[in-house]
Amino acid sequence: QFAHSAELDRWRQIIRQLTLKPSPGPGKSPPVIRLKCRSCGTGMRVPSSVLEGKSQMGVRCPDPKCGKMTYLKKKPSPAEPPEPTKKEMEKNLSYDE
C-alpha cells in the first residue's frame, strides 16, 4: 500500500530534487565549446563545466582512426594599462582650469 501512496511519491520528488543537478531548462542545452581536431577536422563538443578551474586541458579526437590530442588553453585576461609616467602626467596637467 505504501509503495503506491502519495506520500512515497512526494518523498521521491524531494530526493530527486536534492540529488540531481538542475538542468539548464527545457529546450536549452548546457554551454559547450565547439572545436575541430587539428589533424583530421572531426568536430568535437566539450562542456564548458569540464574546464572550470583548469588553465589547460587535453581533448582526444573521437575518430578511432585519428585519436590525436588537441589542447585547450584559457586566454589570459587582458593586462591592466601601465601606470602613466611622470612625463605623461605633467603633459596632461592643465593650469587653466
N, C-alpha and C. Protein backbone atom coordinates (compact mmCIF):
# COMPACT_ATOMS: atom_id res chain seq x y z
N GLN A 1 0.83 -1.20 0.00
CA GLN A 1 0.00 0.00 0.00
C GLN A 1 0.87 1.26 0.00
N PHE A 2 1.94 1.22 0.82
CA PHE A 2 2.81 2.39 0.90
C PHE A 2 3.52 2.66 -0.42
N ALA A 3 3.85 1.61 -1.16
CA ALA A 3 4.54 1.77 -2.43
C ALA A 3 3.71 2.53 -3.45
N HIS A 4 2.39 2.52 -3.30
CA HIS A 4 1.51 3.23 -4.23
C HIS A 4 0.92 4.49 -3.60
N SER A 5 1.45 4.93 -2.48
CA SER A 5 0.86 6.08 -1.78
C SER A 5 1.41 7.40 -2.30
N ALA A 6 0.65 8.46 -2.07
CA ALA A 6 1.05 9.81 -2.46
C ALA A 6 2.23 10.28 -1.61
N GLU A 7 2.31 9.80 -0.39
CA GLU A 7 3.41 10.20 0.49
C GLU A 7 4.76 9.73 -0.06
N LEU A 8 4.82 8.50 -0.54
CA LEU A 8 6.05 8.00 -1.13
C LEU A 8 6.42 8.79 -2.39
N ASP A 9 5.44 9.13 -3.20
CA ASP A 9 5.71 9.95 -4.40
C ASP A 9 6.29 11.30 -4.02
N ARG A 10 5.78 11.90 -2.96
CA ARG A 10 6.29 13.19 -2.50
C ARG A 10 7.74 13.07 -2.05
N TRP A 11 8.07 12.01 -1.31
CA TRP A 11 9.44 11.81 -0.85
C TRP A 11 10.37 11.53 -2.03
N ARG A 12 9.92 10.81 -3.03
CA ARG A 12 10.73 10.55 -4.22
C ARG A 12 11.07 11.85 -4.94
N GLN A 13 10.09 12.74 -5.05
CA GLN A 13 10.33 14.03 -5.70
C GLN A 13 11.35 14.85 -4.92
N ILE A 14 11.25 14.85 -3.60
CA ILE A 14 12.21 15.59 -2.78
C ILE A 14 13.62 15.04 -2.95
N ILE A 15 13.74 13.72 -2.90
CA ILE A 15 15.06 13.09 -3.07
C ILE A 15 15.61 13.37 -4.46
N ARG A 16 14.78 13.28 -5.47
CA ARG A 16 15.21 13.55 -6.85
C ARG A 16 15.71 14.97 -7.00
N GLN A 17 15.03 15.94 -6.38
CA GLN A 17 15.45 17.34 -6.47
C GLN A 17 16.78 17.57 -5.78
N LEU A 18 17.03 16.87 -4.70
CA LEU A 18 18.27 17.06 -3.95
C LEU A 18 19.47 16.36 -4.58
N THR A 19 19.24 15.28 -5.30
CA THR A 19 20.35 14.51 -5.84
C THR A 19 20.70 14.84 -7.28
N LEU A 20 19.77 15.32 -8.05
CA LEU A 20 20.04 15.61 -9.46
C LEU A 20 20.48 17.04 -9.64
N LYS A 21 21.41 17.25 -10.56
CA LYS A 21 21.82 18.60 -10.90
C LYS A 21 20.69 19.27 -11.67
N PRO A 22 20.48 20.56 -11.44
CA PRO A 22 19.41 21.22 -12.19
C PRO A 22 19.76 21.30 -13.67
N SER A 23 18.79 21.04 -14.48
CA SER A 23 19.01 21.12 -15.93
C SER A 23 18.93 22.58 -16.35
N PRO A 24 19.55 22.94 -17.48
CA PRO A 24 19.53 24.33 -17.93
C PRO A 24 18.14 24.80 -18.35
N GLY A 25 17.19 23.93 -18.39
CA GLY A 25 15.84 24.34 -18.78
C GLY A 25 15.38 23.56 -19.99
N PRO A 26 14.07 23.51 -20.20
CA PRO A 26 13.57 22.77 -21.35
C PRO A 26 13.99 23.44 -22.66
N GLY A 27 14.52 22.64 -23.55
CA GLY A 27 14.91 23.16 -24.86
C GLY A 27 16.27 23.82 -24.88
N LYS A 28 16.92 23.95 -23.71
CA LYS A 28 18.24 24.58 -23.66
C LYS A 28 19.28 23.52 -23.31
N SER A 29 20.42 23.60 -23.97
CA SER A 29 21.49 22.66 -23.67
C SER A 29 22.56 23.39 -22.86
N PRO A 30 23.37 22.66 -22.09
CA PRO A 30 24.42 23.32 -21.31
C PRO A 30 25.44 23.95 -22.25
N PRO A 31 26.12 25.01 -21.82
CA PRO A 31 27.10 25.66 -22.69
C PRO A 31 28.26 24.72 -23.04
N VAL A 32 28.61 24.71 -24.29
CA VAL A 32 29.70 23.85 -24.77
C VAL A 32 30.69 24.66 -25.59
N ILE A 33 31.89 24.12 -25.70
CA ILE A 33 32.92 24.71 -26.56
C ILE A 33 33.02 23.81 -27.78
N ARG A 34 32.87 24.40 -28.94
CA ARG A 34 32.95 23.63 -30.19
C ARG A 34 34.31 23.85 -30.81
N LEU A 35 34.93 22.74 -31.24
CA LEU A 35 36.22 22.83 -31.88
C LEU A 35 36.39 21.69 -32.84
N LYS A 36 37.43 21.77 -33.66
CA LYS A 36 37.74 20.72 -34.62
C LYS A 36 39.11 20.16 -34.30
N CYS A 37 39.27 18.87 -34.59
CA CYS A 37 40.56 18.21 -34.42
C CYS A 37 41.55 18.86 -35.39
N ARG A 38 42.74 19.15 -34.91
CA ARG A 38 43.73 19.79 -35.77
C ARG A 38 44.24 18.86 -36.86
N SER A 39 44.19 17.55 -36.61
CA SER A 39 44.71 16.60 -37.60
C SER A 39 43.72 16.25 -38.68
N CYS A 40 42.50 15.82 -38.26
CA CYS A 40 41.55 15.30 -39.25
C CYS A 40 40.33 16.20 -39.46
N GLY A 41 40.11 17.18 -38.58
CA GLY A 41 39.00 18.10 -38.75
C GLY A 41 37.67 17.61 -38.20
N THR A 42 37.68 16.50 -37.46
CA THR A 42 36.44 15.99 -36.86
C THR A 42 35.93 16.99 -35.82
N GLY A 43 34.62 17.27 -35.86
CA GLY A 43 34.03 18.20 -34.92
C GLY A 43 33.92 17.61 -33.52
N MET A 44 34.15 18.45 -32.50
CA MET A 44 34.07 18.00 -31.11
C MET A 44 33.31 19.05 -30.31
N ARG A 45 32.64 18.59 -29.27
CA ARG A 45 31.96 19.47 -28.33
C ARG A 45 32.43 19.11 -26.93
N VAL A 46 32.88 20.12 -26.19
CA VAL A 46 33.36 19.91 -24.83
C VAL A 46 32.51 20.77 -23.90
N PRO A 47 31.86 20.19 -22.89
CA PRO A 47 31.08 21.00 -21.95
C PRO A 47 32.00 21.98 -21.23
N SER A 48 31.58 23.24 -21.16
CA SER A 48 32.43 24.25 -20.53
C SER A 48 32.59 24.00 -19.03
N SER A 49 31.68 23.25 -18.43
CA SER A 49 31.81 22.95 -17.00
C SER A 49 33.03 22.09 -16.72
N VAL A 50 33.50 21.31 -17.71
CA VAL A 50 34.68 20.46 -17.53
C VAL A 50 35.94 21.31 -17.39
N LEU A 51 35.95 22.49 -17.98
CA LEU A 51 37.13 23.34 -17.98
C LEU A 51 37.24 24.23 -16.74
N GLU A 52 36.23 24.26 -15.89
CA GLU A 52 36.25 25.14 -14.73
C GLU A 52 37.44 24.81 -13.84
N GLY A 53 38.18 25.84 -13.47
CA GLY A 53 39.32 25.67 -12.58
C GLY A 53 40.58 25.16 -13.25
N LYS A 54 40.57 25.00 -14.56
CA LYS A 54 41.74 24.48 -15.27
C LYS A 54 42.22 25.55 -16.24
N SER A 55 43.54 25.66 -16.39
CA SER A 55 44.08 26.61 -17.35
C SER A 55 44.36 25.93 -18.70
N GLN A 56 44.51 24.60 -18.69
CA GLN A 56 44.78 23.85 -19.91
C GLN A 56 44.17 22.47 -19.78
N MET A 57 43.71 21.93 -20.92
CA MET A 57 43.11 20.60 -20.90
C MET A 57 43.30 19.94 -22.26
N GLY A 58 43.59 18.65 -22.24
CA GLY A 58 43.74 17.88 -23.47
C GLY A 58 42.46 17.17 -23.81
N VAL A 59 42.09 17.19 -25.11
CA VAL A 59 40.88 16.52 -25.60
C VAL A 59 41.29 15.59 -26.73
N ARG A 60 40.94 14.32 -26.59
CA ARG A 60 41.29 13.34 -27.61
C ARG A 60 40.24 13.33 -28.71
N CYS A 61 40.68 13.21 -29.94
CA CYS A 61 39.77 13.16 -31.09
C CYS A 61 38.90 11.91 -30.98
N PRO A 62 37.58 12.06 -31.20
CA PRO A 62 36.68 10.91 -31.10
C PRO A 62 36.78 9.93 -32.27
N ASP A 63 37.42 10.35 -33.35
CA ASP A 63 37.56 9.47 -34.52
C ASP A 63 38.57 8.37 -34.20
N PRO A 64 38.16 7.08 -34.24
CA PRO A 64 39.09 6.00 -33.88
C PRO A 64 40.32 5.91 -34.79
N LYS A 65 40.21 6.39 -36.02
CA LYS A 65 41.34 6.34 -36.94
C LYS A 65 42.38 7.41 -36.58
N CYS A 66 41.94 8.50 -35.95
CA CYS A 66 42.84 9.61 -35.63
C CYS A 66 43.35 9.49 -34.18
N GLY A 67 42.51 9.79 -33.22
CA GLY A 67 42.87 9.67 -31.81
C GLY A 67 43.90 10.66 -31.31
N LYS A 68 44.19 11.72 -32.06
CA LYS A 68 45.20 12.71 -31.66
C LYS A 68 44.64 13.61 -30.56
N MET A 69 45.54 14.22 -29.80
CA MET A 69 45.15 15.12 -28.71
C MET A 69 45.15 16.56 -29.22
N THR A 70 44.13 17.29 -28.82
CA THR A 70 44.05 18.73 -29.05
C THR A 70 44.02 19.37 -27.67
N TYR A 71 44.82 20.39 -27.48
CA TYR A 71 44.91 21.04 -26.17
C TYR A 71 44.18 22.37 -26.18
N LEU A 72 43.36 22.56 -25.17
CA LEU A 72 42.64 23.81 -24.98
C LEU A 72 43.34 24.60 -23.90
N LYS A 73 43.52 25.90 -24.14
CA LYS A 73 44.12 26.78 -23.14
C LYS A 73 43.21 27.97 -22.95
N LYS A 74 43.08 28.41 -21.71
CA LYS A 74 42.31 29.62 -21.44
C LYS A 74 43.12 30.81 -21.89
N LYS A 75 42.43 31.78 -22.48
CA LYS A 75 43.10 33.00 -22.87
C LYS A 75 43.38 33.82 -21.61
N PRO A 76 44.58 34.40 -21.51
CA PRO A 76 44.85 35.22 -20.34
C PRO A 76 43.98 36.47 -20.37
N SER A 77 43.60 36.92 -19.20
CA SER A 77 42.79 38.13 -19.14
C SER A 77 43.65 39.31 -19.57
N PRO A 78 43.03 40.31 -20.19
CA PRO A 78 43.81 41.45 -20.67
C PRO A 78 44.52 42.15 -19.50
N ALA A 79 45.75 42.53 -19.77
CA ALA A 79 46.55 43.18 -18.74
C ALA A 79 46.02 44.59 -18.47
N GLU A 80 46.23 45.04 -17.24
CA GLU A 80 45.82 46.40 -16.90
C GLU A 80 46.75 47.37 -17.60
N PRO A 81 46.24 48.55 -17.97
CA PRO A 81 47.11 49.51 -18.64
C PRO A 81 48.22 49.95 -17.69
N PRO A 82 49.40 50.22 -18.24
CA PRO A 82 50.51 50.62 -17.38
C PRO A 82 50.25 51.97 -16.72
N GLU A 83 50.89 52.17 -15.59
CA GLU A 83 50.77 53.44 -14.88
C GLU A 83 51.37 54.55 -15.75
N PRO A 84 50.74 55.72 -15.78
CA PRO A 84 51.32 56.81 -16.57
C PRO A 84 52.64 57.27 -15.95
N THR A 85 53.58 57.61 -16.81
CA THR A 85 54.88 58.09 -16.33
C THR A 85 54.74 59.53 -15.86
N LYS A 86 55.76 59.98 -15.15
CA LYS A 86 55.75 61.35 -14.62
C LYS A 86 55.64 62.37 -15.76
N LYS A 87 56.32 62.07 -16.86
CA LYS A 87 56.31 62.97 -18.01
C LYS A 87 54.90 63.07 -18.61
N GLU A 88 54.20 61.93 -18.72
CA GLU A 88 52.83 61.93 -19.24
C GLU A 88 51.88 62.67 -18.31
N MET A 89 52.09 62.51 -17.01
CA MET A 89 51.22 63.21 -16.05
C MET A 89 51.41 64.71 -16.14
N GLU A 90 52.66 65.16 -16.30
CA GLU A 90 52.92 66.60 -16.43
C GLU A 90 52.32 67.13 -17.72
N LYS A 91 52.36 66.34 -18.77
CA LYS A 91 51.82 66.74 -20.07
C LYS A 91 50.31 66.95 -19.98
N ASN A 92 49.63 66.13 -19.15
CA ASN A 92 48.18 66.20 -19.04
C ASN A 92 47.70 67.25 -18.06
N LEU A 93 48.60 67.84 -17.29
CA LEU A 93 48.19 68.86 -16.33
C LEU A 93 47.76 70.14 -17.06
N SER A 94 46.74 70.72 -16.58
CA SER A 94 46.27 71.97 -17.18
C SER A 94 46.04 72.96 -16.03
N TYR A 95 46.73 74.08 -16.07
CA TYR A 95 46.61 75.08 -15.03
C TYR A 95 45.53 76.11 -15.34
N ASP A 96 44.89 75.98 -16.50
CA ASP A 96 43.85 76.94 -16.90
C ASP A 96 42.54 76.68 -16.18
N GLU A 97 42.32 75.51 -15.65
CA GLU A 97 41.03 75.16 -15.06
C GLU A 97 40.91 75.58 -13.65
